[in-house]
Protein backbone atom coordinates (compact mmCIF):
# COMPACT_ATOMS: atom_id res chain seq x y z
CA LYS A 1 -1.00 28.54 -24.32
CA GLU A 2 2.00 30.89 -24.67
CA GLN A 3 0.57 33.10 -21.84
CA VAL A 4 0.54 30.07 -19.53
CA ARG A 5 4.21 29.06 -20.47
CA ALA A 6 5.38 32.71 -19.93
CA TYR A 7 3.67 32.72 -16.44
CA ARG A 8 5.21 29.43 -15.48
CA GLU A 9 8.66 30.67 -16.51
CA ARG A 10 8.28 33.82 -14.28
CA VAL A 11 7.06 31.59 -11.19
CA LYS A 12 9.98 29.09 -11.97
CA ARG A 13 12.58 31.91 -11.92
CA ALA A 14 11.08 33.32 -8.76
CA ALA A 15 11.04 29.95 -7.06
CA ARG A 16 14.62 29.33 -8.11
CA GLY A 17 13.68 25.89 -9.52
CA ARG A 18 12.25 24.65 -6.29
CA LEU A 19 8.83 23.73 -7.59
CA GLN A 20 7.26 21.22 -9.88
CA TRP A 21 3.96 21.79 -11.71
CA ILE A 22 1.06 19.46 -11.46
CA ALA A 23 -1.67 19.76 -14.12
CA VAL A 24 -5.28 19.29 -13.18
CA ALA A 25 -7.51 17.19 -15.41
CA TYR A 26 -11.24 17.43 -14.43
CA ALA A 27 -13.25 14.35 -14.92
CA ASP A 28 -16.37 16.58 -15.36
CA PHE A 29 -14.39 18.69 -17.89
CA ARG A 30 -17.49 19.91 -19.75
CA ALA A 31 -18.73 21.52 -16.50
CA ALA A 32 -15.34 23.11 -16.06
CA ARG A 33 -15.26 24.16 -19.72
CA SER A 34 -11.73 22.64 -19.82
CA PRO A 35 -10.08 20.20 -22.18
CA ALA A 36 -10.78 16.49 -21.90
CA PRO A 37 -8.56 14.58 -19.48
CA VAL A 38 -6.59 12.81 -22.19
CA GLU A 39 -5.74 16.35 -23.65
CA ILE A 40 -4.56 17.54 -20.32
CA VAL A 41 -2.23 14.52 -19.83
CA LEU A 42 -0.58 15.16 -23.33
CA GLU A 43 -0.25 18.90 -22.64
CA ALA A 44 1.17 18.14 -19.17
CA ALA A 45 3.83 16.02 -20.69
CA ASP A 46 4.54 18.64 -23.34
CA ALA A 47 4.77 21.38 -20.88
CA GLY A 48 7.19 19.67 -18.47
CA CYS A 49 4.75 19.16 -15.72
CA ALA A 50 5.72 16.58 -12.90
CA GLY A 51 2.29 15.01 -12.91
CA VAL A 52 -1.47 15.00 -13.26
CA LEU A 53 -4.17 15.30 -10.67
CA PHE A 54 -7.38 13.80 -11.69
CA ASP A 55 -10.14 15.47 -9.86
CA THR A 56 -13.65 16.88 -10.04
CA PHE A 57 -14.46 20.47 -10.93
CA ARG A 58 -17.83 20.53 -9.23
CA LYS A 59 -17.85 19.70 -5.51
CA ASP A 60 -21.44 18.37 -5.44
CA GLY A 61 -20.97 15.02 -3.86
CA LYS A 62 -20.29 13.16 -7.22
CA SER A 63 -17.02 11.38 -7.24
CA LEU A 64 -14.27 10.89 -9.66
CA LEU A 65 -15.59 7.48 -10.40
CA ASP A 66 -19.12 8.95 -11.19
CA TRP A 67 -17.55 10.60 -13.99
CA LEU A 68 -14.65 8.27 -15.09
CA PRO A 69 -15.23 4.46 -14.80
CA PRO A 70 -12.32 2.54 -13.30
CA ASP A 71 -11.34 1.13 -16.70
CA GLU A 72 -11.20 4.47 -18.33
CA LEU A 73 -9.37 6.16 -15.44
CA THR A 74 -6.94 3.17 -15.43
CA ARG A 75 -6.16 3.92 -19.21
CA LEU A 76 -5.65 7.71 -18.43
CA VAL A 77 -3.36 6.94 -15.42
CA GLU A 78 -1.36 4.32 -17.26
CA ARG A 79 -0.88 6.78 -20.09
CA THR A 80 0.18 9.59 -17.69
CA VAL A 81 2.75 7.17 -16.12
CA ALA A 82 4.03 5.99 -19.47
CA LEU A 83 4.67 9.69 -20.29
CA GLY A 84 6.89 9.89 -17.21
CA LEU A 85 4.51 11.78 -15.07
CA SER A 86 3.16 10.98 -11.56
CA ALA A 87 -0.67 10.65 -11.18
CA ALA A 88 -2.95 11.48 -8.28
CA LEU A 89 -6.54 10.68 -7.81
CA ALA A 90 -9.05 13.00 -6.03
CA GLY A 91 -12.57 14.13 -6.27
CA ALA A 92 -14.65 12.82 -3.30
CA VAL A 93 -12.71 9.52 -3.10
CA ASP A 94 -13.87 7.60 0.02
CA MET A 95 -13.19 4.26 1.56
CA ASP A 96 -15.71 2.55 -0.63
CA HIS A 97 -13.98 3.51 -3.70
CA LEU A 98 -10.54 1.88 -2.62
CA PRO A 99 -11.31 -1.52 -3.96
CA LYS A 100 -12.39 0.00 -7.32
CA ILE A 101 -9.17 2.01 -7.57
CA ALA A 102 -6.76 -0.66 -6.24
CA CYS A 103 -5.62 -1.75 -9.59
CA ILE A 104 -5.05 1.80 -10.96
CA PRO A 105 -1.44 2.58 -10.82
CA ALA A 106 -1.72 6.10 -9.36
CA ASP A 107 1.00 7.39 -7.06
CA ILE A 108 -1.24 9.31 -4.89
CA VAL A 109 -4.87 9.19 -3.55
CA ALA A 110 -5.72 12.52 -2.22
CA VAL A 111 -8.76 12.83 0.11
CA ARG A 112 -10.62 15.65 1.87
CA SER A 113 -14.36 14.89 2.62
CA ALA A 114 -13.54 11.32 3.47
CA VAL A 115 -11.42 12.45 6.42
CA CYS A 116 -13.55 15.36 7.57
CA ILE A 117 -16.03 15.39 10.33
CA ASP A 118 -19.44 14.14 8.94
CA GLY A 119 -17.84 13.67 5.50
CA GLU A 120 -18.26 17.30 4.89
CA ARG A 121 -15.23 18.72 2.89
CA ARG A 122 -15.55 22.20 4.53
CA GLY A 123 -15.56 20.51 7.90
CA SER A 124 -12.52 20.05 10.27
CA VAL A 125 -10.28 17.03 9.69
CA SER A 126 -11.01 14.18 11.99
CA SER A 127 -8.10 12.26 13.45
CA ARG A 128 -10.36 9.21 13.91
CA ARG A 129 -11.39 9.42 10.25
CA VAL A 130 -7.74 9.80 9.13
CA ARG A 131 -6.85 6.67 11.07
CA ARG A 132 -9.77 4.73 9.68
CA PHE A 133 -8.88 5.82 6.22
CA CYS A 134 -5.16 4.98 6.70
CA ASP A 135 -6.23 1.49 7.86
CA ALA A 136 -8.45 0.99 4.97
CA MET A 137 -5.63 2.11 2.56
CA ALA A 138 -3.15 -0.19 4.16
CA ALA A 139 -5.54 -3.08 3.83
CA THR A 140 -6.47 -2.25 0.21
CA PHE A 141 -2.93 -1.43 -0.95
CA PRO A 142 -0.69 -3.68 1.11
CA ALA A 143 2.26 -3.37 -1.20
CA ARG A 144 2.14 0.34 -1.36
CA PRO A 145 3.18 2.80 1.28
CA VAL A 146 0.52 4.97 3.11
CA ALA A 147 3.19 7.34 4.17
CA ALA A 148 1.29 10.66 3.37
CA LEU A 149 -1.57 9.82 5.63
CA GLN A 150 0.35 7.97 8.26
CA ALA A 151 2.81 10.91 8.64
CA ARG A 152 -0.12 13.02 9.92
CA ARG A 153 -1.30 10.49 12.50
């Protein structure tokens, strides 16, 4: 823990304060041999991180919601936000997941495979799939901006 803090301080000095740290909480934390997501949230707040990215460690086609049901993920995100941190969702999130995550108060939904050719995360990003995902986001989250994806149209 102290080594991580010392490293962060060195990087912070080198960046002259122009960066913010985001902690990563793996839904499949046992496979990652990492602390449970709730522990990451608490440590992120204690360590002065700007937010938490909820993701999957294994990239095997299982999604974030395969590991964390929406109600559990909602509680984690609400706790994250209550601690003053931003929250991002990732981990094989696709358009079918959007209705399930619509009520989760995350600030960011990060995608890769959902917007790549053939849904293959190592493939090239498809402008057609980005447009379709943006449209699905706008329809699912009408009160929230879809700026991050729209900016890349």
